């Protein structure tokens, strides 16, 4: 079984995220900062939702893994699946809050 150390810092998490997801995280962060500086709650919550949704996609995409040797059985990494579902639930809550803050 594959053993992966938990993330010690946000920088370590960013090393594991693909470049496309890093760009989406950066756009979410920009939206979050714009929401703080202008005082628009919809932009603030939307930026947070984009960032947490990106983390959910990352964790859910890596929740399934295959044995490196034949017969190449598929396995679920339950910890990462649960983490991805929690991030997804948080992102959905933030989208709801963004919609309600209009």
C-alpha atoms as a PDB file:
ATOM      1  CA  UNK A   1       0.000   0.000   0.000  1.00  0.00           C
ATOM      2  CA  UNK A   2       1.182   3.512  -0.759  1.00  0.00           C
ATOM      3  CA  UNK A   3       2.040   5.585   2.290  1.00  0.00           C
ATOM      4  CA  UNK A   4       1.981   9.355   1.851  1.00  0.00           C
ATOM      5  CA  UNK A   5       2.897  11.814   4.565  1.00  0.00           C
ATOM      6  CA  UNK A   6       0.262  14.392   5.480  1.00  0.00           C
ATOM      7  CA  UNK A   7       0.857  17.924   4.295  1.00  0.00           C
ATOM      8  CA  UNK A   8       2.899  19.942   6.789  1.00  0.00           C
ATOM      9  CA  UNK A   9       2.260  23.275   5.125  1.00  0.00           C
ATOM     10  CA  UNK A  10       0.322  24.929   2.347  1.00  0.00           C
ATOM     11  CA  UNK A  11       3.523  25.186   0.277  1.00  0.00           C
ATOM     12  CA  UNK A  12       3.907  21.420   0.420  1.00  0.00           C
ATOM     13  CA  UNK A  13       0.308  21.037  -0.754  1.00  0.00           C
ATOM     14  CA  UNK A  14       1.001  23.360  -3.698  1.00  0.00           C
ATOM     15  CA  UNK A  15       3.918  21.165  -4.787  1.00  0.00           C
ATOM     16  CA  UNK A  16       1.485  18.270  -5.166  1.00  0.00           C
ATOM     17  CA  UNK A  17      -1.168  20.225  -7.124  1.00  0.00           C
ATOM     18  CA  UNK A  18      -1.061  20.260 -10.939  1.00  0.00           C
ATOM     19  CA  UNK A  19      -0.215  23.525 -12.764  1.00  0.00           C
ATOM     20  CA  UNK A  20      -3.786  23.981 -14.038  1.00  0.00           C
ATOM     21  CA  UNK A  21      -5.188  23.678 -10.531  1.00  0.00           C
ATOM     22  CA  UNK A  22      -2.544  26.132  -9.288  1.00  0.00           C
ATOM     23  CA  UNK A  23      -3.831  28.685 -11.795  1.00  0.00           C
ATOM     24  CA  UNK A  24      -7.420  28.126 -10.634  1.00  0.00           C
ATOM     25  CA  UNK A  25      -6.273  28.453  -7.002  1.00  0.00           C
ATOM     26  CA  UNK A  26      -4.542  31.731  -7.872  1.00  0.00           C
ATOM     27  CA  UNK A  27      -7.687  33.059  -9.582  1.00  0.00           C
ATOM     28  CA  UNK A  28      -9.736  32.112  -6.529  1.00  0.00           C
ATOM     29  CA  UNK A  29      -7.221  33.885  -4.308  1.00  0.00           C
ATOM     30  CA  UNK A  30      -7.396  37.025  -6.475  1.00  0.00           C
ATOM     31  CA  UNK A  31     -11.198  36.938  -6.263  1.00  0.00           C
ATOM     32  CA  UNK A  32     -10.945  36.504  -2.492  1.00  0.00           C
ATOM     33  CA  UNK A  33      -8.587  39.485  -2.147  1.00  0.00           C
ATOM     34  CA  UNK A  34     -10.820  41.621  -4.372  1.00  0.00           C
ATOM     35  CA  UNK A  35     -13.782  40.678  -2.188  1.00  0.00           C
ATOM     36  CA  UNK A  36     -11.902  41.752   0.931  1.00  0.00           C
ATOM     37  CA  UNK A  37     -10.599  45.042  -0.476  1.00  0.00           C
ATOM     38  CA  UNK A  38     -13.844  46.155  -2.109  1.00  0.00           C
ATOM     39  CA  UNK A  39     -16.070  44.751   0.598  1.00  0.00           C
ATOM     40  CA  UNK A  40     -18.145  42.535  -1.674  1.00  0.00           C
ATOM     41  CA  UNK A  41     -19.220  39.398   0.189  1.00  0.00           C
ATOM     42  CA  UNK A  42     -20.189  37.643  -3.057  1.00  0.00           C
ATOM     43  CA  UNK A  43     -16.615  37.957  -4.385  1.00  0.00           C
ATOM     44  CA  UNK A  44     -15.167  36.912  -1.032  1.00  0.00           C
ATOM     45  CA  UNK A  45     -17.309  33.771  -0.773  1.00  0.00           C
ATOM     46  CA  UNK A  46     -16.880  32.987  -4.474  1.00  0.00           C
ATOM     47  CA  UNK A  47     -13.094  33.167  -4.179  1.00  0.00           C
ATOM     48  CA  UNK A  48     -13.152  30.831  -1.187  1.00  0.00           C
ATOM     49  CA  UNK A  49     -15.503  28.475  -3.039  1.00  0.00           C
ATOM     50  CA  UNK A  50     -13.184  28.357  -6.057  1.00  0.00           C
ATOM     51  CA  UNK A  51     -10.180  27.579  -3.861  1.00  0.00           C
ATOM     52  CA  UNK A  52     -11.915  24.873  -1.836  1.00  0.00           C
ATOM     53  CA  UNK A  53     -13.469  23.405  -4.984  1.00  0.00           C
ATOM     54  CA  UNK A  54     -10.012  23.184  -6.510  1.00  0.00           C
ATOM     55  CA  UNK A  55      -8.726  21.311  -3.471  1.00  0.00           C
ATOM     56  CA  UNK A  56     -11.745  18.993  -3.687  1.00  0.00           C
ATOM     57  CA  UNK A  57     -10.983  18.207  -7.338  1.00  0.00           C
ATOM     58  CA  UNK A  58      -7.344  17.539  -6.478  1.00  0.00           C
ATOM     59  CA  UNK A  59      -8.142  15.126  -3.655  1.00  0.00           C
ATOM     60  CA  UNK A  60     -10.929  13.338  -5.522  1.00  0.00           C
ATOM     61  CA  UNK A  61      -8.739  12.909  -8.608  1.00  0.00           C
ATOM     62  CA  UNK A  62      -6.033  11.210  -6.538  1.00  0.00           C
ATOM     63  CA  UNK A  63      -8.358   9.049  -4.428  1.00  0.00           C
ATOM     64  CA  UNK A  64      -8.077   6.101  -6.827  1.00  0.00           C
ATOM     65  CA  UNK A  65      -4.802   4.304  -7.407  1.00  0.00           C
ATOM     66  CA  UNK A  66      -3.590   1.166  -9.168  1.00  0.00           C
ATOM     67  CA  UNK A  67      -1.122  -1.522  -8.159  1.00  0.00           C
ATOM     68  CA  UNK A  68       2.156  -0.904 -10.007  1.00  0.00           C
ATOM     69  CA  UNK A  69       2.573  -4.608 -10.817  1.00  0.00           C
ATOM     70  CA  UNK A  70       0.236  -7.027 -12.591  1.00  0.00           C
ATOM     71  CA  UNK A  71      -2.688  -7.637 -12.277  1.00  0.00           C
ATOM     72  CA  UNK A  72      -2.944  -3.817 -11.808  1.00  0.00           C
ATOM     73  CA  UNK A  73      -5.818  -3.895  -9.341  1.00  0.00           C
ATOM     74  CA  UNK A  74      -7.652  -0.673  -8.594  1.00  0.00           C
ATOM     75  CA  UNK A  75      -7.924   0.613  -5.038  1.00  0.00           C
ATOM     76  CA  UNK A  76      -9.588   3.511  -3.271  1.00  0.00           C
ATOM     77  CA  UNK A  77      -7.596   5.690  -0.948  1.00  0.00           C
ATOM     78  CA  UNK A  78     -10.373   6.320   1.567  1.00  0.00           C
ATOM     79  CA  UNK A  79      -8.628   9.086   3.488  1.00  0.00           C
ATOM     80  CA  UNK A  80      -8.189  11.173   0.375  1.00  0.00           C
ATOM     81  CA  UNK A  81     -11.723  10.411  -0.802  1.00  0.00           C
ATOM     82  CA  UNK A  82     -13.174  11.597   2.506  1.00  0.00           C
ATOM     83  CA  UNK A  83     -10.941  14.688   2.445  1.00  0.00           C
ATOM     84  CA  UNK A  84     -12.124  15.489  -1.090  1.00  0.00           C
ATOM     85  CA  UNK A  85     -15.770  15.079  -0.139  1.00  0.00           C
ATOM     86  CA  UNK A  86     -15.312  17.359   2.879  1.00  0.00           C
ATOM     87  CA  UNK A  87     -13.682  20.033   0.673  1.00  0.00           C
ATOM     88  CA  UNK A  88     -16.545  19.633  -1.810  1.00  0.00           C
ATOM     89  CA  UNK A  89     -19.147  20.103   0.934  1.00  0.00           C
ATOM     90  CA  UNK A  90     -17.349  23.242   2.138  1.00  0.00           C
ATOM     91  CA  UNK A  91     -17.208  24.576  -1.436  1.00  0.00           C
ATOM     92  CA  UNK A  92     -20.934  23.965  -1.869  1.00  0.00           C
ATOM     93  CA  UNK A  93     -21.651  25.773   1.401  1.00  0.00           C
ATOM     94  CA  UNK A  94     -19.550  28.736   0.243  1.00  0.00           C
ATOM     95  CA  UNK A  95     -21.393  28.849  -3.095  1.00  0.00           C
ATOM     96  CA  UNK A  96     -24.673  28.919  -1.168  1.00  0.00           C
ATOM     97  CA  UNK A  97     -23.369  31.767   1.013  1.00  0.00           C
ATOM     98  CA  UNK A  98     -22.217  33.667  -2.079  1.00  0.00           C
ATOM     99  CA  UNK A  99     -25.642  33.308  -3.655  1.00  0.00           C
ATOM    100  CA  UNK A 100     -27.360  34.467  -0.468  1.00  0.00           C
ATOM    101  CA  UNK A 101     -25.071  37.482  -0.009  1.00  0.00           C
ATOM    102  CA  UNK A 102     -26.235  39.202  -3.198  1.00  0.00           C
END
